[in-house]
Amino acid sequence: MAKGKQEKVQRRQRIHDSIRESMFGTSVRPRLSVYRSNKYIYAQLVDDMEGNTLTSASSLADEVEGETPTEESHAVGELLAERAQEEGIEKVVFDRSGYKYHGRVQALAEGARDGGLQL
């Protein structure tokens, strides 16, 4: 890895660790964790008390369609909200995992809100 890339990854990890110190998901209000790669976006609802993933969604799913990565992210948020409501989950804690609340991460959060989740 180039030195600049390594510093960027370490910075995001430091921010992520700082966020996670104050954020905790329960079975009543799980943590919505986001992972963003260059090509795809993944989201999962995590119960930190039990250490279980309750449900997840990603842009790899067949149900997700969109012309741009941002539109796909919005669709992933809606899909996750639909799956969460099937599990009886209405409220979540949003964990942006050190990413800026901008672009695909913001679109995923808005998609989850549009799908009926309370962030």
N, C-alpha and C. Protein backbone atom coordinates (compact mmCIF):
# COMPACT_ATOMS: atom_id res chain seq x y z
N MET A 1 0.83 -1.18 0.00
CA MET A 1 0.00 0.00 0.00
C MET A 1 0.87 1.24 0.00
N ALA A 2 0.44 2.23 -0.72
CA ALA A 2 1.15 3.50 -0.72
C ALA A 2 0.98 4.17 0.64
N LYS A 3 1.90 5.02 0.98
CA LYS A 3 1.87 5.64 2.29
C LYS A 3 0.59 6.46 2.51
N GLY A 4 0.13 7.19 1.53
CA GLY A 4 -1.09 7.99 1.66
C GLY A 4 -2.31 7.13 1.89
N LYS A 5 -2.41 6.02 1.18
CA LYS A 5 -3.54 5.10 1.33
C LYS A 5 -3.56 4.50 2.73
N GLN A 6 -2.39 4.10 3.22
CA GLN A 6 -2.29 3.50 4.55
C GLN A 6 -2.72 4.49 5.63
N GLU A 7 -2.31 5.73 5.50
CA GLU A 7 -2.69 6.76 6.47
C GLU A 7 -4.19 6.99 6.46
N LYS A 8 -4.80 6.95 5.27
CA LYS A 8 -6.24 7.15 5.15
C LYS A 8 -7.01 6.02 5.83
N VAL A 9 -6.56 4.79 5.63
CA VAL A 9 -7.21 3.64 6.26
C VAL A 9 -7.06 3.71 7.78
N GLN A 10 -5.88 4.06 8.26
CA GLN A 10 -5.66 4.17 9.70
C GLN A 10 -6.50 5.29 10.31
N ARG A 11 -6.66 6.39 9.60
CA ARG A 11 -7.47 7.50 10.08
C ARG A 11 -8.92 7.06 10.21
N ARG A 12 -9.45 6.37 9.19
CA ARG A 12 -10.84 5.90 9.25
C ARG A 12 -11.02 4.92 10.39
N GLN A 13 -10.05 4.04 10.60
CA GLN A 13 -10.14 3.07 11.69
C GLN A 13 -10.13 3.76 13.04
N ARG A 14 -9.33 4.81 13.18
CA ARG A 14 -9.28 5.57 14.43
C ARG A 14 -10.63 6.24 14.70
N ILE A 15 -11.23 6.83 13.66
CA ILE A 15 -12.54 7.46 13.79
C ILE A 15 -13.59 6.40 14.14
N HIS A 16 -13.52 5.26 13.46
CA HIS A 16 -14.46 4.16 13.70
C HIS A 16 -14.38 3.69 15.16
N ASP A 17 -13.18 3.52 15.67
CA ASP A 17 -13.00 3.09 17.07
C ASP A 17 -13.59 4.12 18.03
N SER A 18 -13.39 5.39 17.74
CA SER A 18 -13.91 6.46 18.58
C SER A 18 -15.44 6.45 18.59
N ILE A 19 -16.04 6.25 17.43
CA ILE A 19 -17.50 6.20 17.34
C ILE A 19 -18.03 5.00 18.12
N ARG A 20 -17.38 3.85 17.99
CA ARG A 20 -17.85 2.62 18.61
C ARG A 20 -17.75 2.64 20.13
N GLU A 21 -16.90 3.51 20.69
CA GLU A 21 -16.80 3.60 22.14
C GLU A 21 -18.12 4.05 22.77
N SER A 22 -18.85 4.91 22.07
CA SER A 22 -20.08 5.47 22.62
C SER A 22 -21.33 4.84 22.04
N MET A 23 -21.19 3.96 21.05
CA MET A 23 -22.34 3.39 20.36
C MET A 23 -22.48 1.91 20.71
N PHE A 24 -23.73 1.51 21.00
CA PHE A 24 -23.97 0.13 21.40
C PHE A 24 -25.35 -0.29 20.92
N GLY A 25 -25.44 -1.44 20.27
CA GLY A 25 -26.71 -1.93 19.77
C GLY A 25 -27.29 -2.99 20.68
N THR A 26 -28.60 -2.98 20.86
CA THR A 26 -29.30 -3.99 21.64
C THR A 26 -30.29 -4.71 20.73
N SER A 27 -30.97 -5.71 21.25
CA SER A 27 -31.95 -6.42 20.43
C SER A 27 -33.16 -5.53 20.15
N VAL A 28 -33.45 -4.57 21.05
CA VAL A 28 -34.56 -3.65 20.84
C VAL A 28 -34.18 -2.56 19.84
N ARG A 29 -32.97 -2.04 19.97
CA ARG A 29 -32.48 -0.99 19.07
C ARG A 29 -31.08 -1.38 18.59
N PRO A 30 -30.99 -2.20 17.53
CA PRO A 30 -29.68 -2.67 17.07
C PRO A 30 -28.88 -1.58 16.36
N ARG A 31 -27.62 -1.87 16.16
CA ARG A 31 -26.71 -0.95 15.49
C ARG A 31 -26.72 -1.25 13.99
N LEU A 32 -26.98 -0.23 13.17
CA LEU A 32 -26.93 -0.37 11.72
C LEU A 32 -25.50 -0.04 11.30
N SER A 33 -24.75 -1.06 10.98
CA SER A 33 -23.34 -0.92 10.63
C SER A 33 -23.18 -0.91 9.11
N VAL A 34 -22.38 0.02 8.61
CA VAL A 34 -22.18 0.20 7.17
C VAL A 34 -20.74 -0.13 6.81
N TYR A 35 -20.56 -0.88 5.71
CA TYR A 35 -19.23 -1.07 5.14
C TYR A 35 -19.31 -0.70 3.67
N ARG A 36 -18.39 0.12 3.24
CA ARG A 36 -18.39 0.62 1.88
C ARG A 36 -17.08 0.23 1.21
N SER A 37 -17.17 -0.53 0.12
CA SER A 37 -15.98 -0.81 -0.67
C SER A 37 -16.04 0.06 -1.92
N ASN A 38 -15.06 -0.06 -2.78
CA ASN A 38 -15.09 0.75 -4.00
C ASN A 38 -16.25 0.38 -4.91
N LYS A 39 -16.66 -0.88 -4.87
CA LYS A 39 -17.66 -1.36 -5.82
C LYS A 39 -19.03 -1.61 -5.19
N TYR A 40 -19.08 -2.03 -3.93
CA TYR A 40 -20.33 -2.42 -3.29
C TYR A 40 -20.50 -1.70 -1.96
N ILE A 41 -21.70 -1.83 -1.40
CA ILE A 41 -21.97 -1.31 -0.06
C ILE A 41 -22.75 -2.39 0.70
N TYR A 42 -22.42 -2.55 1.96
CA TYR A 42 -23.01 -3.57 2.80
C TYR A 42 -23.55 -2.90 4.07
N ALA A 43 -24.68 -3.42 4.57
CA ALA A 43 -25.24 -2.91 5.82
C ALA A 43 -25.79 -4.09 6.60
N GLN A 44 -25.62 -4.03 7.91
CA GLN A 44 -26.17 -5.09 8.75
C GLN A 44 -26.64 -4.52 10.08
N LEU A 45 -27.63 -5.18 10.65
CA LEU A 45 -28.13 -4.81 11.96
C LEU A 45 -27.52 -5.77 12.98
N VAL A 46 -26.84 -5.20 13.97
CA VAL A 46 -26.06 -5.99 14.93
C VAL A 46 -26.59 -5.78 16.34
N ASP A 47 -26.80 -6.89 17.04
CA ASP A 47 -27.12 -6.87 18.46
C ASP A 47 -25.80 -7.08 19.20
N ASP A 48 -25.25 -6.02 19.77
CA ASP A 48 -23.95 -6.10 20.43
C ASP A 48 -24.02 -6.84 21.77
N MET A 49 -25.20 -6.89 22.38
CA MET A 49 -25.35 -7.61 23.65
C MET A 49 -25.08 -9.10 23.45
N GLU A 50 -25.63 -9.66 22.37
CA GLU A 50 -25.49 -11.08 22.07
C GLU A 50 -24.35 -11.35 21.09
N GLY A 51 -23.93 -10.32 20.36
CA GLY A 51 -22.90 -10.50 19.35
C GLY A 51 -23.43 -11.15 18.08
N ASN A 52 -24.73 -10.90 17.78
CA ASN A 52 -25.36 -11.51 16.61
C ASN A 52 -25.70 -10.48 15.56
N THR A 53 -25.65 -10.91 14.31
CA THR A 53 -26.18 -10.11 13.21
C THR A 53 -27.63 -10.51 13.03
N LEU A 54 -28.54 -9.54 13.14
CA LEU A 54 -29.96 -9.82 13.06
C LEU A 54 -30.43 -9.93 11.60
N THR A 55 -29.98 -9.03 10.76
CA THR A 55 -30.30 -9.07 9.34
C THR A 55 -29.27 -8.23 8.60
N SER A 56 -29.19 -8.45 7.29
CA SER A 56 -28.22 -7.70 6.50
C SER A 56 -28.74 -7.50 5.09
N ALA A 57 -28.09 -6.60 4.37
CA ALA A 57 -28.40 -6.34 2.96
C ALA A 57 -27.15 -5.78 2.31
N SER A 58 -27.02 -6.00 1.02
CA SER A 58 -25.88 -5.45 0.30
C SER A 58 -26.26 -5.17 -1.13
N SER A 59 -25.42 -4.45 -1.83
CA SER A 59 -25.67 -4.13 -3.23
C SER A 59 -25.45 -5.34 -4.12
N LEU A 60 -25.00 -6.46 -3.56
CA LEU A 60 -24.86 -7.70 -4.31
C LEU A 60 -26.19 -8.43 -4.48
N ALA A 61 -27.20 -8.08 -3.68
CA ALA A 61 -28.50 -8.76 -3.71
C ALA A 61 -29.20 -8.51 -5.05
N ASP A 62 -29.95 -9.51 -5.50
CA ASP A 62 -30.66 -9.40 -6.78
C ASP A 62 -31.76 -8.35 -6.74
N GLU A 63 -32.35 -8.10 -5.55
CA GLU A 63 -33.44 -7.15 -5.43
C GLU A 63 -32.98 -5.70 -5.59
N VAL A 64 -31.70 -5.46 -5.46
CA VAL A 64 -31.16 -4.10 -5.48
C VAL A 64 -30.85 -3.69 -6.91
N GLU A 65 -31.49 -2.57 -7.31
CA GLU A 65 -31.24 -2.04 -8.65
C GLU A 65 -31.02 -0.54 -8.55
N GLY A 66 -30.19 -0.04 -9.42
CA GLY A 66 -29.93 1.38 -9.50
C GLY A 66 -28.91 1.65 -10.59
N GLU A 67 -29.02 2.79 -11.22
CA GLU A 67 -28.10 3.11 -12.30
C GLU A 67 -26.75 3.61 -11.79
N THR A 68 -26.77 4.24 -10.62
CA THR A 68 -25.54 4.75 -10.05
C THR A 68 -25.29 4.08 -8.70
N PRO A 69 -24.07 4.12 -8.20
CA PRO A 69 -23.80 3.56 -6.88
C PRO A 69 -24.62 4.20 -5.76
N THR A 70 -24.92 5.49 -5.89
CA THR A 70 -25.72 6.18 -4.89
C THR A 70 -27.15 5.65 -4.89
N GLU A 71 -27.71 5.43 -6.08
CA GLU A 71 -29.06 4.87 -6.18
C GLU A 71 -29.09 3.45 -5.63
N GLU A 72 -28.06 2.68 -5.88
CA GLU A 72 -27.97 1.32 -5.33
C GLU A 72 -27.93 1.37 -3.80
N SER A 73 -27.17 2.32 -3.26
CA SER A 73 -27.07 2.45 -1.81
C SER A 73 -28.43 2.77 -1.19
N HIS A 74 -29.18 3.63 -1.84
CA HIS A 74 -30.53 3.98 -1.37
C HIS A 74 -31.40 2.73 -1.37
N ALA A 75 -31.30 1.93 -2.42
CA ALA A 75 -32.07 0.69 -2.53
C ALA A 75 -31.66 -0.32 -1.45
N VAL A 76 -30.37 -0.37 -1.11
CA VAL A 76 -29.89 -1.25 -0.04
C VAL A 76 -30.51 -0.83 1.29
N GLY A 77 -30.57 0.47 1.55
CA GLY A 77 -31.20 0.97 2.77
C GLY A 77 -32.66 0.58 2.85
N GLU A 78 -33.38 0.70 1.74
CA GLU A 78 -34.79 0.33 1.72
C GLU A 78 -34.96 -1.18 1.94
N LEU A 79 -34.10 -1.98 1.30
CA LEU A 79 -34.15 -3.44 1.47
C LEU A 79 -33.87 -3.83 2.93
N LEU A 80 -32.89 -3.19 3.53
CA LEU A 80 -32.56 -3.47 4.93
C LEU A 80 -33.73 -3.11 5.84
N ALA A 81 -34.38 -1.97 5.57
CA ALA A 81 -35.53 -1.55 6.37
C ALA A 81 -36.67 -2.56 6.24
N GLU A 82 -36.88 -3.05 5.04
CA GLU A 82 -37.93 -4.06 4.82
C GLU A 82 -37.64 -5.33 5.61
N ARG A 83 -36.39 -5.79 5.55
CA ARG A 83 -36.00 -7.00 6.28
C ARG A 83 -36.07 -6.78 7.79
N ALA A 84 -35.73 -5.57 8.24
CA ALA A 84 -35.78 -5.27 9.67
C ALA A 84 -37.21 -5.28 10.18
N GLN A 85 -38.13 -4.74 9.40
CA GLN A 85 -39.52 -4.72 9.82
C GLN A 85 -40.11 -6.12 9.88
N GLU A 86 -39.62 -7.02 9.02
CA GLU A 86 -40.04 -8.42 9.10
C GLU A 86 -39.59 -9.04 10.43
N GLU A 87 -38.45 -8.57 10.95
CA GLU A 87 -37.93 -9.05 12.23
C GLU A 87 -38.56 -8.31 13.41
N GLY A 88 -39.37 -7.29 13.14
CA GLY A 88 -40.01 -6.52 14.20
C GLY A 88 -39.16 -5.38 14.73
N ILE A 89 -38.21 -4.92 13.94
CA ILE A 89 -37.30 -3.84 14.35
C ILE A 89 -37.75 -2.55 13.70
N GLU A 90 -37.92 -1.49 14.52
CA GLU A 90 -38.34 -0.20 13.99
C GLU A 90 -37.30 0.90 14.22
N LYS A 91 -36.52 0.79 15.29
CA LYS A 91 -35.53 1.82 15.62
C LYS A 91 -34.14 1.21 15.61
N VAL A 92 -33.17 1.97 15.08
CA VAL A 92 -31.79 1.52 15.04
C VAL A 92 -30.86 2.67 15.41
N VAL A 93 -29.62 2.32 15.73
CA VAL A 93 -28.55 3.29 15.96
C VAL A 93 -27.66 3.24 14.73
N PHE A 94 -27.43 4.38 14.08
CA PHE A 94 -26.68 4.41 12.83
C PHE A 94 -25.18 4.50 13.11
N ASP A 95 -24.42 3.52 12.64
CA ASP A 95 -22.98 3.46 12.78
C ASP A 95 -22.37 3.64 11.39
N ARG A 96 -21.81 4.81 11.12
CA ARG A 96 -21.26 5.10 9.80
C ARG A 96 -19.86 4.51 9.61
N SER A 97 -19.32 3.88 10.63
CA SER A 97 -18.04 3.16 10.58
C SER A 97 -16.85 4.02 10.16
N GLY A 98 -16.87 5.27 10.52
CA GLY A 98 -15.74 6.14 10.22
C GLY A 98 -15.81 6.81 8.87
N TYR A 99 -16.81 6.45 8.05
CA TYR A 99 -16.98 7.10 6.75
C TYR A 99 -17.69 8.43 6.95
N LYS A 100 -17.46 9.37 6.05
CA LYS A 100 -18.17 10.63 6.11
C LYS A 100 -19.64 10.39 5.81
N TYR A 101 -20.50 11.14 6.47
CA TYR A 101 -21.93 11.05 6.20
C TYR A 101 -22.20 11.85 4.94
N HIS A 102 -21.92 11.21 3.82
CA HIS A 102 -21.96 11.89 2.53
C HIS A 102 -22.05 10.82 1.45
N GLY A 103 -22.67 11.12 0.35
CA GLY A 103 -22.69 10.22 -0.79
C GLY A 103 -23.43 8.93 -0.53
N ARG A 104 -22.74 7.80 -0.73
CA ARG A 104 -23.37 6.49 -0.62
C ARG A 104 -23.81 6.16 0.80
N VAL A 105 -23.06 6.58 1.79
CA VAL A 105 -23.43 6.33 3.19
C VAL A 105 -24.69 7.11 3.54
N GLN A 106 -24.77 8.34 3.11
CA GLN A 106 -25.96 9.16 3.35
C GLN A 106 -27.16 8.59 2.60
N ALA A 107 -26.96 8.13 1.37
CA ALA A 107 -28.05 7.54 0.59
C ALA A 107 -28.59 6.28 1.25
N LEU A 108 -27.70 5.47 1.82
CA LEU A 108 -28.15 4.27 2.53
C LEU A 108 -29.01 4.65 3.73
N ALA A 109 -28.58 5.63 4.49
CA ALA A 109 -29.33 6.08 5.67
C ALA A 109 -30.70 6.63 5.25
N GLU A 110 -30.74 7.41 4.19
CA GLU A 110 -32.01 7.96 3.72
C GLU A 110 -32.92 6.87 3.20
N GLY A 111 -32.35 5.86 2.54
CA GLY A 111 -33.13 4.71 2.08
C GLY A 111 -33.75 3.95 3.24
N ALA A 112 -32.97 3.78 4.31
CA ALA A 112 -33.48 3.10 5.50
C ALA A 112 -34.62 3.90 6.12
N ARG A 113 -34.48 5.22 6.16
CA ARG A 113 -35.55 6.08 6.69
C ARG A 113 -36.80 5.97 5.80
N ASP A 114 -36.59 6.02 4.49
CA ASP A 114 -37.72 5.92 3.55
C ASP A 114 -38.41 4.56 3.68
N GLY A 115 -37.65 3.54 4.04
CA GLY A 115 -38.21 2.21 4.22
C GLY A 115 -38.95 2.03 5.54
N GLY A 116 -38.84 2.99 6.44
CA GLY A 116 -39.60 2.95 7.68
C GLY A 116 -38.79 2.82 8.95
N LEU A 117 -37.47 2.77 8.87
CA LEU A 117 -36.64 2.69 10.08
C LEU A 117 -36.46 4.09 10.68
N GLN A 118 -36.36 4.13 11.99
CA GLN A 118 -36.05 5.38 12.68
C GLN A 118 -34.58 5.35 13.08
N LEU A 119 -33.79 6.27 12.54
CA LEU A 119 -32.37 6.33 12.86
C LEU A 119 -32.14 7.37 13.93
